[in-house]
Amino acid sequence: MGERMLHLIIDIWTSRQKCSVLGIEVQYIKDWKLCKQLLGFLAFDVAHTGGNIKRRVYDHIKSEFGITEQQVT
């Protein structure tokens, strides 16, 4: 992803099987064009608090994509 500023789109929903799913998408500008990339659908089996969501999102994007919290606006 480089050093550009990234914007995350986060959503949590519950499947018909009563499993919570966390979706993460990133948006950024490259060559003056809006780019989007899906970063993952993750099982989310803890309380939907801000702290839990933040921790799960940042753990995933750091370990899988090398994206740091400082790159995200």
PDB file of N, CA and C in Angstrom:
ATOM      1  N   MET A   1       0.817  -1.199   0.000  1.00  0.00           N
ATOM      2  CA  MET A   1       0.000   0.000   0.000  1.00  0.00           C
ATOM      3  C   MET A   1       0.855   1.256   0.000  1.00  0.00           C
ATOM      4  N   GLY A   2       2.098   1.157   0.361  1.00  0.00           N
ATOM      5  CA  GLY A   2       2.957   2.330   0.333  1.00  0.00           C
ATOM      6  C   GLY A   2       2.689   3.268   1.497  1.00  0.00           C
ATOM      7  N   GLU A   3       3.099   4.537   1.334  1.00  0.00           N
ATOM      8  CA  GLU A   3       2.978   5.524   2.407  1.00  0.00           C
ATOM      9  C   GLU A   3       1.762   6.426   2.260  1.00  0.00           C
ATOM     10  N   ARG A   4       0.913   6.183   1.279  1.00  0.00           N
ATOM     11  CA  ARG A   4      -0.263   7.047   1.089  1.00  0.00           C
ATOM     12  C   ARG A   4      -1.222   6.917   2.270  1.00  0.00           C
ATOM     13  N   MET A   5      -2.064   7.919   2.426  1.00  0.00           N
ATOM     14  CA  MET A   5      -3.071   7.879   3.474  1.00  0.00           C
ATOM     15  C   MET A   5      -4.209   6.971   3.031  1.00  0.00           C
ATOM     16  N   LEU A   6      -4.686   6.183   3.958  1.00  0.00           N
ATOM     17  CA  LEU A   6      -5.712   5.189   3.671  1.00  0.00           C
ATOM     18  C   LEU A   6      -6.961   5.482   4.495  1.00  0.00           C
ATOM     19  N   HIS A   7      -8.099   5.161   3.935  1.00  0.00           N
ATOM     20  CA  HIS A   7      -9.384   5.347   4.595  1.00  0.00           C
ATOM     21  C   HIS A   7     -10.052   3.982   4.697  1.00  0.00           C
ATOM     22  N   LEU A   8     -10.382   3.559   5.914  1.00  0.00           N
ATOM     23  CA  LEU A   8     -10.990   2.255   6.126  1.00  0.00           C
ATOM     24  C   LEU A   8     -12.500   2.359   6.190  1.00  0.00           C
ATOM     25  N   ILE A   9     -13.165   1.364   5.630  1.00  0.00           N
ATOM     26  CA  ILE A   9     -14.608   1.210   5.740  1.00  0.00           C
ATOM     27  C   ILE A   9     -14.823  -0.099   6.490  1.00  0.00           C
ATOM     28  N   ILE A  10     -15.508  -0.021   7.620  1.00  0.00           N
ATOM     29  CA  ILE A  10     -15.699  -1.168   8.505  1.00  0.00           C
ATOM     30  C   ILE A  10     -17.198  -1.432   8.643  1.00  0.00           C
ATOM     31  N   ASP A  11     -17.575  -2.711   8.620  1.00  0.00           N
ATOM     32  CA  ASP A  11     -18.974  -3.076   8.846  1.00  0.00           C
ATOM     33  C   ASP A  11     -19.005  -4.404   9.589  1.00  0.00           C
ATOM     34  N   ILE A  12     -19.959  -4.542  10.496  1.00  0.00           N
ATOM     35  CA  ILE A  12     -20.162  -5.799  11.214  1.00  0.00           C
ATOM     36  C   ILE A  12     -21.626  -6.180  11.051  1.00  0.00           C
ATOM     37  N   TRP A  13     -21.848  -7.441  10.752  1.00  0.00           N
ATOM     38  CA  TRP A  13     -23.214  -7.932  10.661  1.00  0.00           C
ATOM     39  C   TRP A  13     -23.256  -9.369  11.156  1.00  0.00           C
ATOM     40  N   THR A  14     -24.465  -9.882  11.341  1.00  0.00           N
ATOM     41  CA  THR A  14     -24.659 -11.243  11.827  1.00  0.00           C
ATOM     42  C   THR A  14     -25.273 -12.077  10.709  1.00  0.00           C
ATOM     43  N   SER A  15     -24.670 -13.245  10.468  1.00  0.00           N
ATOM     44  CA  SER A  15     -25.158 -14.140   9.418  1.00  0.00           C
ATOM     45  C   SER A  15     -26.431 -14.845   9.881  1.00  0.00           C
ATOM     46  N   ARG A  16     -27.062 -15.542   8.977  1.00  0.00           N
ATOM     47  CA  ARG A  16     -28.261 -16.317   9.325  1.00  0.00           C
ATOM     48  C   ARG A  16     -27.946 -17.407  10.335  1.00  0.00           C
ATOM     49  N   GLN A  17     -26.686 -17.819  10.381  1.00  0.00           N
ATOM     50  CA  GLN A  17     -26.260 -18.843  11.331  1.00  0.00           C
ATOM     51  C   GLN A  17     -25.866 -18.239  12.684  1.00  0.00           C
ATOM     52  N   LYS A  18     -26.153 -16.952  12.887  1.00  0.00           N
ATOM     53  CA  LYS A  18     -25.890 -16.226  14.139  1.00  0.00           C
ATOM     54  C   LYS A  18     -24.395 -16.032  14.413  1.00  0.00           C
ATOM     55  N   CYS A  19     -23.584 -15.933  13.347  1.00  0.00           N
ATOM     56  CA  CYS A  19     -22.152 -15.653  13.479  1.00  0.00           C
ATOM     57  C   CYS A  19     -21.900 -14.212  13.056  1.00  0.00           C
ATOM     58  N   SER A  20     -21.164 -13.473  13.873  1.00  0.00           N
ATOM     59  CA  SER A  20     -20.831 -12.090  13.526  1.00  0.00           C
ATOM     60  C   SER A  20     -19.648 -12.077  12.562  1.00  0.00           C
ATOM     61  N   VAL A  21     -19.725 -11.189  11.579  1.00  0.00           N
ATOM     62  CA  VAL A  21     -18.696 -11.055  10.552  1.00  0.00           C
ATOM     63  C   VAL A  21     -18.259  -9.591  10.496  1.00  0.00           C
ATOM     64  N   LEU A  22     -16.940  -9.383  10.459  1.00  0.00           N
ATOM     65  CA  LEU A  22     -16.355  -8.045  10.355  1.00  0.00           C
ATOM     66  C   LEU A  22     -15.791  -7.900   8.949  1.00  0.00           C
ATOM     67  N   GLY A  23     -16.274  -6.908   8.208  1.00  0.00           N
ATOM     68  CA  GLY A  23     -15.758  -6.632   6.868  1.00  0.00           C
ATOM     69  C   GLY A  23     -14.879  -5.396   6.893  1.00  0.00           C
ATOM     70  N   ILE A  24     -13.736  -5.466   6.181  1.00  0.00           N
ATOM     71  CA  ILE A  24     -12.799  -4.340   6.134  1.00  0.00           C
ATOM     72  C   ILE A  24     -12.472  -4.042   4.675  1.00  0.00           C
ATOM     73  N   GLU A  25     -12.675  -2.789   4.283  1.00  0.00           N
ATOM     74  CA  GLU A  25     -12.313  -2.316   2.947  1.00  0.00           C
ATOM     75  C   GLU A  25     -11.454  -1.069   3.114  1.00  0.00           C
ATOM     76  N   VAL A  26     -10.553  -0.835   2.178  1.00  0.00           N
ATOM     77  CA  VAL A  26      -9.715   0.355   2.212  1.00  0.00           C
ATOM     78  C   VAL A  26      -9.948   1.155   0.939  1.00  0.00           C
ATOM     79  N   GLN A  27      -9.911   2.483   1.061  1.00  0.00           N
ATOM     80  CA  GLN A  27      -9.972   3.386  -0.088  1.00  0.00           C
ATOM     81  C   GLN A  27      -8.765   4.306  -0.034  1.00  0.00           C
ATOM     82  N   TYR A  28      -8.240   4.634  -1.210  1.00  0.00           N
ATOM     83  CA  TYR A  28      -7.110   5.559  -1.294  1.00  0.00           C
ATOM     84  C   TYR A  28      -7.073   6.153  -2.700  1.00  0.00           C
ATOM     85  N   ILE A  29      -6.340   7.234  -2.862  1.00  0.00           N
ATOM     86  CA  ILE A  29      -6.187   7.893  -4.153  1.00  0.00           C
ATOM     87  C   ILE A  29      -4.836   7.493  -4.748  1.00  0.00           C
ATOM     88  N   LYS A  30      -4.851   7.050  -5.999  1.00  0.00           N
ATOM     89  CA  LYS A  30      -3.621   6.717  -6.725  1.00  0.00           C
ATOM     90  C   LYS A  30      -3.756   7.291  -8.129  1.00  0.00           C
ATOM     91  N   ASP A  31      -2.793   8.090  -8.522  1.00  0.00           N
ATOM     92  CA  ASP A  31      -2.831   8.735  -9.844  1.00  0.00           C
ATOM     93  C   ASP A  31      -4.154   9.469 -10.054  1.00  0.00           C
ATOM     94  N   TRP A  32      -4.612  10.144  -9.011  1.00  0.00           N
ATOM     95  CA  TRP A  32      -5.835  10.947  -9.031  1.00  0.00           C
ATOM     96  C   TRP A  32      -7.092  10.125  -9.282  1.00  0.00           C
ATOM     97  N   LYS A  33      -7.039   8.833  -8.986  1.00  0.00           N
ATOM     98  CA  LYS A  33      -8.212   7.964  -9.109  1.00  0.00           C
ATOM     99  C   LYS A  33      -8.487   7.302  -7.767  1.00  0.00           C
ATOM    100  N   LEU A  34      -9.778   7.168  -7.447  1.00  0.00           N
ATOM    101  CA  LEU A  34     -10.181   6.497  -6.225  1.00  0.00           C
ATOM    102  C   LEU A  34     -10.022   4.998  -6.415  1.00  0.00           C
ATOM    103  N   CYS A  35      -9.273   4.365  -5.526  1.00  0.00           N
ATOM    104  CA  CYS A  35      -9.057   2.919  -5.563  1.00  0.00           C
ATOM    105  C   CYS A  35      -9.675   2.306  -4.313  1.00  0.00           C
ATOM    106  N   LYS A  36     -10.212   1.102  -4.460  1.00  0.00           N
ATOM    107  CA  LYS A  36     -10.809   0.377  -3.343  1.00  0.00           C
ATOM    108  C   LYS A  36     -10.252  -1.038  -3.340  1.00  0.00           C
ATOM    109  N   GLN A  37     -10.073  -1.585  -2.124  1.00  0.00           N
ATOM    110  CA  GLN A  37      -9.601  -2.954  -2.013  1.00  0.00           C
ATOM    111  C   GLN A  37     -10.218  -3.595  -0.778  1.00  0.00           C
ATOM    112  N   LEU A  38     -10.735  -4.787  -0.950  1.00  0.00           N
ATOM    113  CA  LEU A  38     -11.276  -5.547   0.172  1.00  0.00           C
ATOM    114  C   LEU A  38     -10.111  -6.160   0.938  1.00  0.00           C
ATOM    115  N   LEU A  39     -10.058  -5.923   2.242  1.00  0.00           N
ATOM    116  CA  LEU A  39      -8.971  -6.444   3.064  1.00  0.00           C
ATOM    117  C   LEU A  39      -9.366  -7.682   3.846  1.00  0.00           C
ATOM    118  N   GLY A  40     -10.646  -7.960   3.948  1.00  0.00           N
ATOM    119  CA  GLY A  40     -11.024  -9.205   4.601  1.00  0.00           C
ATOM    120  C   GLY A  40     -12.410  -9.225   5.180  1.00  0.00           C
ATOM    121  N   PHE A  41     -12.884 -10.456   5.330  1.00  0.00           N
ATOM    122  CA  PHE A  41     -14.078 -10.781   6.108  1.00  0.00           C
ATOM    123  C   PHE A  41     -13.591 -11.657   7.241  1.00  0.00           C
ATOM    124  N   LEU A  42     -13.809 -11.226   8.482  1.00  0.00           N
ATOM    125  CA  LEU A  42     -13.269 -11.930   9.641  1.00  0.00           C
ATOM    126  C   LEU A  42     -14.385 -12.317  10.595  1.00  0.00           C
ATOM    127  N   ALA A  43     -14.259 -13.498  11.192  1.00  0.00           N
ATOM    128  CA  ALA A  43     -15.180 -13.876  12.259  1.00  0.00           C
ATOM    129  C   ALA A  43     -14.965 -12.907  13.421  1.00  0.00           C
ATOM    130  N   PHE A  44     -16.049 -12.514  14.066  1.00  0.00           N
ATOM    131  CA  PHE A  44     -15.961 -11.541  15.161  1.00  0.00           C
ATOM    132  C   PHE A  44     -16.815 -12.057  16.307  1.00  0.00           C
ATOM    133  N   ASP A  45     -16.184 -12.752  17.246  1.00  0.00           N
ATOM    134  CA  ASP A  45     -16.937 -13.446  18.289  1.00  0.00           C
ATOM    135  C   ASP A  45     -16.793 -12.824  19.676  1.00  0.00           C
ATOM    136  N   VAL A  46     -16.482 -11.526  19.713  1.00  0.00           N
ATOM    137  CA  VAL A  46     -16.413 -10.803  20.986  1.00  0.00           C
ATOM    138  C   VAL A  46     -17.433  -9.666  20.948  1.00  0.00           C
ATOM    139  N   ALA A  47     -17.610  -8.989  22.074  1.00  0.00           N
ATOM    140  CA  ALA A  47     -18.550  -7.864  22.141  1.00  0.00           C
ATOM    141  C   ALA A  47     -18.176  -6.798  21.112  1.00  0.00           C
ATOM    142  N   HIS A  48     -19.179  -6.181  20.506  1.00  0.00           N
ATOM    143  CA  HIS A  48     -18.972  -5.187  19.446  1.00  0.00           C
ATOM    144  C   HIS A  48     -18.664  -3.808  20.032  1.00  0.00           C
ATOM    145  N   THR A  49     -17.662  -3.737  20.887  1.00  0.00           N
ATOM    146  CA  THR A  49     -17.259  -2.455  21.470  1.00  0.00           C
ATOM    147  C   THR A  49     -16.233  -1.786  20.556  1.00  0.00           C
ATOM    148  N   GLY A  50     -16.100  -0.485  20.697  1.00  0.00           N
ATOM    149  CA  GLY A  50     -15.128   0.246  19.887  1.00  0.00           C
ATOM    150  C   GLY A  50     -13.720  -0.285  20.049  1.00  0.00           C
ATOM    151  N   GLY A  51     -13.332  -0.593  21.287  1.00  0.00           N
ATOM    152  CA  GLY A  51     -11.992  -1.113  21.543  1.00  0.00           C
ATOM    153  C   GLY A  51     -11.746  -2.454  20.892  1.00  0.00           C
ATOM    154  N   ASN A  52     -12.728  -3.362  20.970  1.00  0.00           N
ATOM    155  CA  ASN A  52     -12.585  -4.681  20.351  1.00  0.00           C
ATOM    156  C   ASN A  52     -12.512  -4.583  18.829  1.00  0.00           C
ATOM    157  N   ILE A  53     -13.339  -3.718  18.255  1.00  0.00           N
ATOM    158  CA  ILE A  53     -13.335  -3.549  16.798  1.00  0.00           C
ATOM    159  C   ILE A  53     -11.997  -2.975  16.346  1.00  0.00           C
ATOM    160  N   LYS A  54     -11.535  -1.931  17.005  1.00  0.00           N
ATOM    161  CA  LYS A  54     -10.263  -1.309  16.648  1.00  0.00           C
ATOM    162  C   LYS A  54      -9.113  -2.305  16.739  1.00  0.00           C
ATOM    163  N   ARG A  55      -9.057  -3.046  17.824  1.00  0.00           N
ATOM    164  CA  ARG A  55      -7.977  -4.018  18.026  1.00  0.00           C
ATOM    165  C   ARG A  55      -7.976  -5.076  16.919  1.00  0.00           C
ATOM    166  N   ARG A  56      -9.149  -5.614  16.597  1.00  0.00           N
ATOM    167  CA  ARG A  56      -9.238  -6.668  15.571  1.00  0.00           C
ATOM    168  C   ARG A  56      -8.861  -6.134  14.195  1.00  0.00           C
ATOM    169  N   VAL A  57      -9.345  -4.934  13.860  1.00  0.00           N
ATOM    170  CA  VAL A  57      -9.033  -4.323  12.562  1.00  0.00           C
ATOM    171  C   VAL A  57      -7.539  -4.068  12.433  1.00  0.00           C
ATOM    172  N   TYR A  58      -6.951  -3.386  13.412  1.00  0.00           N
ATOM    173  CA  TYR A  58      -5.531  -3.043  13.309  1.00  0.00           C
ATOM    174  C   TYR A  58      -4.624  -4.263  13.394  1.00  0.00           C
ATOM    175  N   ASP A  59      -4.989  -5.267  14.186  1.00  0.00           N
ATOM    176  CA  ASP A  59      -4.202  -6.505  14.205  1.00  0.00           C
ATOM    177  C   ASP A  59      -4.193  -7.157  12.824  1.00  0.00           C
ATOM    178  N   HIS A  60      -5.352  -7.193  12.174  1.00  0.00           N
ATOM    179  CA  HIS A  60      -5.466  -7.827  10.857  1.00  0.00           C
ATOM    180  C   HIS A  60      -4.705  -7.060   9.783  1.00  0.00           C
ATOM    181  N   ILE A  61      -4.924  -5.749   9.683  1.00  0.00           N
ATOM    182  CA  ILE A  61      -4.284  -5.011   8.589  1.00  0.00           C
ATOM    183  C   ILE A  61      -2.774  -4.917   8.771  1.00  0.00           C
ATOM    184  N   LYS A  62      -2.297  -4.940  10.018  1.00  0.00           N
ATOM    185  CA  LYS A  62      -0.852  -4.915  10.272  1.00  0.00           C
ATOM    186  C   LYS A  62      -0.219  -6.259   9.891  1.00  0.00           C
ATOM    187  N   SER A  63      -0.802  -7.356  10.373  1.00  0.00           N
ATOM    188  CA  SER A  63      -0.202  -8.671  10.131  1.00  0.00           C
ATOM    189  C   SER A  63      -0.342  -9.126   8.681  1.00  0.00           C
ATOM    190  N   GLU A  64      -1.450  -8.812   8.034  1.00  0.00           N
ATOM    191  CA  GLU A  64      -1.687  -9.295   6.671  1.00  0.00           C
ATOM    192  C   GLU A  64      -1.174  -8.368   5.576  1.00  0.00           C
ATOM    193  N   PHE A  65      -1.151  -7.051   5.842  1.00  0.00           N
ATOM    194  CA  PHE A  65      -0.830  -6.092   4.791  1.00  0.00           C
ATOM    195  C   PHE A  65       0.274  -5.104   5.162  1.00  0.00           C
ATOM    196  N   GLY A  66       0.736  -5.127   6.403  1.00  0.00           N
ATOM    197  CA  GLY A  66       1.781  -4.200   6.834  1.00  0.00           C
ATOM    198  C   GLY A  66       1.306  -2.766   6.966  1.00  0.00           C
ATOM    199  N   ILE A  67      -0.006  -2.573   7.087  1.00  0.00           N
ATOM    200  CA  ILE A  67      -0.574  -1.229   7.222  1.00  0.00           C
ATOM    201  C   ILE A  67      -0.533  -0.828   8.685  1.00  0.00           C
ATOM    202  N   THR A  68       0.028   0.346   8.958  1.00  0.00           N
ATOM    203  CA  THR A  68       0.103   0.824  10.342  1.00  0.00           C
ATOM    204  C   THR A  68      -1.040   1.781  10.651  1.00  0.00           C
ATOM    205  N   GLU A  69      -1.275   1.971  11.932  1.00  0.00           N
ATOM    206  CA  GLU A  69      -2.334   2.881  12.365  1.00  0.00           C
ATOM    207  C   GLU A  69      -2.069   4.307  11.892  1.00  0.00           C
ATOM    208  N   GLN A  70      -0.795   4.687  11.774  1.00  0.00           N
ATOM    209  CA  GLN A  70      -0.435   6.035  11.335  1.00  0.00           C
ATOM    210  C   GLN A  70      -0.788   6.288   9.861  1.00  0.00           C
ATOM    211  N   GLN A  71      -0.938   5.252   9.062  1.00  0.00           N
ATOM    212  CA  GLN A  71      -1.289   5.417   7.655  1.00  0.00           C
ATOM    213  C   GLN A  71      -2.783   5.623   7.442  1.00  0.00           C
ATOM    214  N   VAL A  72      -3.569   5.372   8.461  1.00  0.00           N
ATOM    215  CA  VAL A  72      -5.031   5.401   8.340  1.00  0.00           C
ATOM    216  C   VAL A  72      -5.556   6.725   8.848  1.00  0.00           C
ATOM    217  N   THR A  73      -6.475   7.333   8.066  1.00  0.00           N
ATOM    218  CA  THR A  73      -7.107   8.575   8.514  1.00  0.00           C
ATOM    219  C   THR A  73      -8.497   8.291   8.980  1.00  0.00           C
TER     220      THR A  73
END
